[in-house]
């Protein structure tokens, strides 16, 4: 029980430190728009990314959008071809 509380406190501290680091950075050289290749709509990868993108947009002040693709292997190809900034595979 004590270990579980320590893990929760540790994760809260990490999240707090990460959120502070993102707000103090110079964002002038950041990309204006980014996309995440994450599989077909309704899949196990698209569903969490469609919730994660707006959260990151509000926290970081970015414009990240999920992109529906044909699947996991296509996601890695898109990143290597510079058609997606990052992907879920």
C-alpha atoms as a PDB file:
ATOM      1  CA  UNK A   1       0.000   0.000   0.000  1.00  0.00           C
ATOM      2  CA  UNK A   2       2.874   2.370   0.825  1.00  0.00           C
ATOM      3  CA  UNK A   3       4.590   1.580  -2.490  1.00  0.00           C
ATOM      4  CA  UNK A   4       1.411   2.454  -4.404  1.00  0.00           C
ATOM      5  CA  UNK A   5       1.268   5.861  -2.697  1.00  0.00           C
ATOM      6  CA  UNK A   6       4.924   6.496  -3.514  1.00  0.00           C
ATOM      7  CA  UNK A   7       4.346   5.682  -7.180  1.00  0.00           C
ATOM      8  CA  UNK A   8       1.349   8.026  -7.318  1.00  0.00           C
ATOM      9  CA  UNK A   9       3.292  10.854  -5.665  1.00  0.00           C
ATOM     10  CA  UNK A  10       6.246  10.261  -8.000  1.00  0.00           C
ATOM     11  CA  UNK A  11       4.012  10.421 -11.087  1.00  0.00           C
ATOM     12  CA  UNK A  12       2.345  13.619  -9.869  1.00  0.00           C
ATOM     13  CA  UNK A  13       5.741  15.259  -9.327  1.00  0.00           C
ATOM     14  CA  UNK A  14       6.929  14.223 -12.799  1.00  0.00           C
ATOM     15  CA  UNK A  15       3.767  15.588 -14.436  1.00  0.00           C
ATOM     16  CA  UNK A  16       4.109  18.845 -12.496  1.00  0.00           C
ATOM     17  CA  UNK A  17       7.729  19.278 -13.581  1.00  0.00           C
ATOM     18  CA  UNK A  18       6.926  18.474 -17.200  1.00  0.00           C
ATOM     19  CA  UNK A  19       4.100  20.996 -17.365  1.00  0.00           C
ATOM     20  CA  UNK A  20       6.326  23.756 -15.979  1.00  0.00           C
ATOM     21  CA  UNK A  21       9.088  23.039 -18.473  1.00  0.00           C
ATOM     22  CA  UNK A  22       6.739  23.359 -21.433  1.00  0.00           C
ATOM     23  CA  UNK A  23       5.356  26.761 -20.443  1.00  0.00           C
ATOM     24  CA  UNK A  24       8.739  28.467 -20.020  1.00  0.00           C
ATOM     25  CA  UNK A  25      10.166  27.581 -23.425  1.00  0.00           C
ATOM     26  CA  UNK A  26      10.542  29.784 -26.474  1.00  0.00           C
ATOM     27  CA  UNK A  27       7.939  28.397 -28.894  1.00  0.00           C
ATOM     28  CA  UNK A  28       8.757  30.667 -31.839  1.00  0.00           C
ATOM     29  CA  UNK A  29      10.665  27.917 -33.687  1.00  0.00           C
ATOM     30  CA  UNK A  30       8.136  25.173 -33.001  1.00  0.00           C
ATOM     31  CA  UNK A  31       6.185  23.799 -35.993  1.00  0.00           C
ATOM     32  CA  UNK A  32       2.876  25.567 -36.569  1.00  0.00           C
ATOM     33  CA  UNK A  33       1.009  22.308 -37.131  1.00  0.00           C
ATOM     34  CA  UNK A  34       1.825  18.668 -36.336  1.00  0.00           C
ATOM     35  CA  UNK A  35       0.044  15.408 -37.036  1.00  0.00           C
ATOM     36  CA  UNK A  36      -0.017  12.011 -35.384  1.00  0.00           C
ATOM     37  CA  UNK A  37      -0.452   8.944 -37.586  1.00  0.00           C
ATOM     38  CA  UNK A  38      -2.584   6.653 -35.476  1.00  0.00           C
ATOM     39  CA  UNK A  39      -4.565   4.064 -37.437  1.00  0.00           C
ATOM     40  CA  UNK A  40      -8.172   3.844 -38.624  1.00  0.00           C
ATOM     41  CA  UNK A  41     -10.982   5.752 -36.936  1.00  0.00           C
ATOM     42  CA  UNK A  42     -12.381   3.749 -34.016  1.00  0.00           C
ATOM     43  CA  UNK A  43      -9.242   1.664 -33.601  1.00  0.00           C
ATOM     44  CA  UNK A  44      -7.392   1.098 -30.351  1.00  0.00           C
ATOM     45  CA  UNK A  45      -4.786   3.668 -31.381  1.00  0.00           C
ATOM     46  CA  UNK A  46      -6.972   6.404 -32.885  1.00  0.00           C
ATOM     47  CA  UNK A  47      -9.368   6.634 -29.950  1.00  0.00           C
ATOM     48  CA  UNK A  48      -6.775   7.594 -27.285  1.00  0.00           C
ATOM     49  CA  UNK A  49      -4.945   9.940 -29.670  1.00  0.00           C
ATOM     50  CA  UNK A  50      -8.151  11.810 -30.470  1.00  0.00           C
ATOM     51  CA  UNK A  51      -8.334  12.633 -26.746  1.00  0.00           C
ATOM     52  CA  UNK A  52      -4.579  13.177 -26.278  1.00  0.00           C
ATOM     53  CA  UNK A  53      -4.183  15.735 -29.079  1.00  0.00           C
ATOM     54  CA  UNK A  54      -6.597  18.355 -27.670  1.00  0.00           C
ATOM     55  CA  UNK A  55      -5.061  17.869 -24.223  1.00  0.00           C
ATOM     56  CA  UNK A  56      -1.536  18.543 -25.554  1.00  0.00           C
ATOM     57  CA  UNK A  57      -2.846  21.486 -27.577  1.00  0.00           C
ATOM     58  CA  UNK A  58      -4.272  23.112 -24.476  1.00  0.00           C
ATOM     59  CA  UNK A  59      -1.231  22.376 -22.299  1.00  0.00           C
ATOM     60  CA  UNK A  60       1.490  23.283 -24.810  1.00  0.00           C
ATOM     61  CA  UNK A  61      -0.282  25.778 -27.041  1.00  0.00           C
ATOM     62  CA  UNK A  62       0.398  23.682 -30.135  1.00  0.00           C
ATOM     63  CA  UNK A  63      -1.719  22.449 -33.026  1.00  0.00           C
ATOM     64  CA  UNK A  64      -1.491  18.650 -33.037  1.00  0.00           C
ATOM     65  CA  UNK A  65      -4.125  16.636 -34.879  1.00  0.00           C
ATOM     66  CA  UNK A  66      -4.685  12.872 -35.180  1.00  0.00           C
ATOM     67  CA  UNK A  67      -4.593  11.435 -38.691  1.00  0.00           C
ATOM     68  CA  UNK A  68      -6.503   8.290 -39.608  1.00  0.00           C
ATOM     69  CA  UNK A  69      -4.326   5.843 -41.524  1.00  0.00           C
ATOM     70  CA  UNK A  70      -4.468   2.277 -42.790  1.00  0.00           C
ATOM     71  CA  UNK A  71      -2.684   0.750 -39.823  1.00  0.00           C
ATOM     72  CA  UNK A  72       0.455   0.481 -37.761  1.00  0.00           C
ATOM     73  CA  UNK A  73       2.895  -0.408 -40.546  1.00  0.00           C
ATOM     74  CA  UNK A  74       1.741   2.545 -42.605  1.00  0.00           C
ATOM     75  CA  UNK A  75       2.271   4.806 -39.587  1.00  0.00           C
ATOM     76  CA  UNK A  76       5.982   4.030 -39.464  1.00  0.00           C
ATOM     77  CA  UNK A  77       6.294   4.532 -43.214  1.00  0.00           C
ATOM     78  CA  UNK A  78       4.621   7.928 -42.906  1.00  0.00           C
ATOM     79  CA  UNK A  79       7.122   9.052 -40.268  1.00  0.00           C
ATOM     80  CA  UNK A  80      10.073   7.899 -42.366  1.00  0.00           C
ATOM     81  CA  UNK A  81       8.642   9.682 -45.425  1.00  0.00           C
ATOM     82  CA  UNK A  82       8.120  12.908 -43.376  1.00  0.00           C
ATOM     83  CA  UNK A  83       4.355  12.745 -43.908  1.00  0.00           C
ATOM     84  CA  UNK A  84       3.713  12.569 -40.154  1.00  0.00           C
ATOM     85  CA  UNK A  85       5.618  14.136 -37.275  1.00  0.00           C
ATOM     86  CA  UNK A  86       5.158  11.116 -35.036  1.00  0.00           C
ATOM     87  CA  UNK A  87       3.056   7.964 -34.931  1.00  0.00           C
ATOM     88  CA  UNK A  88       1.570   5.355 -32.674  1.00  0.00           C
ATOM     89  CA  UNK A  89       2.715   1.856 -33.548  1.00  0.00           C
END
